[in-house]
Amino acid sequence: MRLDPIDPALAGRIVVRDERPGDDWHPEYPFADELVPLRSLASREAEDPVFTLYAIRDDDGVAVGGFGFFGPPDETGTVEFGYGLVPAARGRGLASAAVAEGLRIAAGHGAVRAIADTEEANLASLAVLARAGMSEIRREGGMVYLARDL
């Protein structure tokens, strides 16, 4: 598994599915939940090269999902992130590996705390976040909010 950063131009191509040689996108990529952050990134002229969106690539180099930061760390050093995989790529440890790598990247670039949220019913995501050392800080409106010091 590897995380490949996505710049605004690539985000625009992903949104319209303008796949070119070397892109190697899974047929289900991007999935619906990724389109909003990809469109937002595509509308920018420049983006933070670290605290951006990343394509999650499996061991064959195929883009099967996304990992993204919701911006750089805030004034307390906290960074928020999210992730997801196409259904065909789930259950292989890719999400856990992507979250671990994303947290390593964040810590290596000045973040001291990470936060994320997921739906209470999403037991697989709760397990991924727990494996990454994230702890529940609250539940509200069907969502679980988690945090971890880096």
Protein backbone atom coordinates (compact mmCIF):
# COMPACT_ATOMS: atom_id res chain seq x y z
CA MET A 1 0.00 0.00 0.00
CA ARG A 2 1.15 3.51 -0.70
CA LEU A 3 -0.33 6.98 -0.53
CA ASP A 4 0.15 9.17 -3.61
CA PRO A 5 -0.56 12.90 -3.18
CA ILE A 6 -3.22 14.41 -5.42
CA ASP A 7 -2.71 17.94 -6.76
CA PRO A 8 -5.54 20.17 -8.07
CA ALA A 9 -5.00 19.18 -11.73
CA LEU A 10 -5.11 15.47 -10.94
CA ALA A 11 -8.16 15.97 -8.71
CA GLY A 12 -9.96 17.55 -11.67
CA ARG A 13 -9.08 14.60 -13.89
CA ILE A 14 -10.24 12.12 -11.27
CA VAL A 15 -13.61 13.88 -10.89
CA VAL A 16 -14.33 13.63 -14.62
CA ARG A 17 -12.59 10.24 -14.81
CA ASP A 18 -10.04 11.36 -17.39
CA GLU A 19 -7.80 8.34 -16.82
CA ARG A 20 -4.45 8.38 -18.57
CA PRO A 21 -1.64 5.83 -18.88
CA GLY A 22 -0.10 5.25 -15.47
CA ASP A 23 -3.15 6.42 -13.49
CA ASP A 24 -4.28 2.82 -12.88
CA TRP A 25 -7.63 3.61 -11.27
CA HIS A 26 -9.89 0.83 -10.07
CA PRO A 27 -13.16 0.81 -12.10
CA GLU A 28 -15.07 1.95 -8.96
CA TYR A 29 -12.62 4.77 -8.18
CA PRO A 30 -13.43 7.41 -7.15
CA PHE A 31 -16.39 6.40 -5.02
CA ALA A 32 -19.18 8.90 -4.34
CA ASP A 33 -17.94 10.11 -0.93
CA GLU A 34 -14.64 11.22 -2.47
CA LEU A 35 -16.17 13.49 -5.09
CA VAL A 36 -16.85 16.48 -2.80
CA PRO A 37 -13.28 16.79 -1.48
CA LEU A 38 -11.86 16.07 -4.94
CA ARG A 39 -14.02 18.81 -6.48
CA SER A 40 -12.92 21.21 -3.76
CA LEU A 41 -9.26 20.42 -4.39
CA ALA A 42 -9.72 20.71 -8.16
CA SER A 43 -11.08 24.25 -7.74
CA ARG A 44 -7.87 25.49 -6.11
CA GLU A 45 -4.82 26.77 -7.92
CA ALA A 46 -2.44 25.37 -5.31
CA GLU A 47 -2.65 23.06 -2.35
CA ASP A 48 -0.58 22.24 0.69
CA PRO A 49 1.75 19.50 -0.61
CA VAL A 50 1.50 17.50 2.64
CA PHE A 51 -1.92 18.14 4.18
CA THR A 52 -3.87 17.32 1.04
CA LEU A 53 -5.70 14.37 -0.52
CA TYR A 54 -3.95 11.12 -1.37
CA ALA A 55 -4.88 8.18 -3.55
CA ILE A 56 -4.64 4.88 -1.70
CA ARG A 57 -2.90 2.39 -3.97
CA ASP A 58 -2.92 -1.34 -3.35
CA ASP A 59 0.12 -3.60 -3.70
CA ASP A 60 -0.44 -3.74 -7.47
CA GLY A 61 -0.36 0.07 -7.69
CA VAL A 62 -4.08 0.40 -8.44
CA ALA A 63 -5.86 3.44 -6.92
CA VAL A 64 -8.59 1.91 -4.75
CA GLY A 65 -9.51 4.75 -2.41
CA GLY A 66 -8.58 8.01 -0.83
CA PHE A 67 -7.03 9.39 2.33
CA GLY A 68 -7.26 13.09 3.03
CA PHE A 69 -6.51 15.79 5.52
CA PHE A 70 -9.07 18.55 6.05
CA GLY A 71 -6.28 21.11 5.94
CA PRO A 72 -3.04 21.68 7.83
CA PRO A 73 -2.82 21.43 11.62
CA ASP A 74 -4.75 24.12 13.48
CA GLU A 75 -3.25 26.42 16.13
CA THR A 76 -3.20 23.52 18.63
CA GLY A 77 -1.38 21.21 16.19
CA THR A 78 -4.51 19.14 15.53
CA VAL A 79 -5.18 17.73 12.07
CA GLU A 80 -8.42 16.10 10.93
CA PHE A 81 -8.50 13.29 8.37
CA GLY A 82 -10.82 10.92 6.56
CA TYR A 83 -10.43 7.91 4.29
CA GLY A 84 -12.34 5.35 2.28
CA LEU A 85 -11.93 2.43 -0.09
CA VAL A 86 -13.92 1.10 -3.01
CA PRO A 87 -15.93 -1.94 -1.85
CA ALA A 88 -13.75 -4.40 -3.78
CA ALA A 89 -10.66 -3.30 -1.81
CA ARG A 90 -12.12 -3.61 1.69
CA GLY A 91 -11.11 -6.28 4.17
CA ARG A 92 -7.46 -6.52 3.05
CA GLY A 93 -5.82 -4.22 5.61
CA LEU A 94 -5.43 -1.33 3.17
CA ALA A 95 -7.44 1.14 5.26
CA SER A 96 -5.40 0.33 8.38
CA ALA A 97 -2.16 0.74 6.45
CA ALA A 98 -3.35 4.01 4.89
CA VAL A 99 -4.38 5.50 8.24
CA ALA A 100 -1.09 4.47 9.84
CA GLU A 101 0.86 6.05 6.97
CA GLY A 102 -1.27 9.20 7.03
CA LEU A 103 -0.67 9.62 10.77
CA ARG A 104 3.06 9.09 10.23
CA ILE A 105 3.04 11.81 7.55
CA ALA A 106 1.12 14.19 9.82
CA ALA A 107 3.45 13.64 12.77
CA GLY A 108 6.48 14.09 10.54
CA HIS A 109 5.18 17.49 9.43
CA GLY A 110 4.34 19.07 12.77
CA ALA A 111 0.93 17.73 13.76
CA VAL A 112 0.72 16.70 17.40
CA ARG A 113 -2.86 15.37 17.47
CA ALA A 114 -5.18 13.75 14.94
CA ILE A 115 -8.97 13.57 14.93
CA ALA A 116 -11.46 11.65 12.81
CA ASP A 117 -15.09 10.62 12.89
CA THR A 118 -17.20 7.79 11.56
CA GLU A 119 -20.77 6.58 11.78
CA GLU A 120 -21.61 4.47 14.85
CA ALA A 121 -22.81 1.67 12.59
CA ASN A 122 -19.53 1.54 10.63
CA LEU A 123 -17.87 -1.14 12.75
CA ALA A 124 -15.10 -1.74 10.20
CA SER A 125 -14.06 1.91 10.28
CA LEU A 126 -14.21 1.97 14.09
CA ALA A 127 -11.88 -1.05 14.11
CA VAL A 128 -9.46 0.63 11.65
CA LEU A 129 -9.32 3.76 13.80
CA ALA A 130 -8.87 1.73 17.01
CA ARG A 131 -5.97 -0.18 15.40
CA ALA A 132 -4.41 3.21 14.63
CA GLY A 133 -4.48 4.06 18.33
CA MET A 134 -7.41 6.45 18.12
CA SER A 135 -9.69 6.70 21.17
CA GLU A 136 -13.32 7.72 21.30
CA ILE A 137 -13.85 11.22 22.67
CA ARG A 138 -17.63 11.51 22.16
CA ARG A 139 -20.74 10.29 20.35
CA GLU A 140 -23.28 12.61 18.86
CA GLY A 141 -26.00 12.31 16.24
CA GLY A 142 -25.04 8.78 15.22
CA MET A 143 -21.36 9.71 14.82
CA VAL A 144 -18.32 8.61 16.83
CA TYR A 145 -15.52 11.16 17.23
CA LEU A 146 -12.00 9.90 17.91
CA ALA A 147 -8.59 11.40 18.64
CA ARG A 148 -4.98 10.42 19.12
CA ASP A 149 -1.84 12.23 20.17
CA LEU A 150 0.92 11.83 17.61
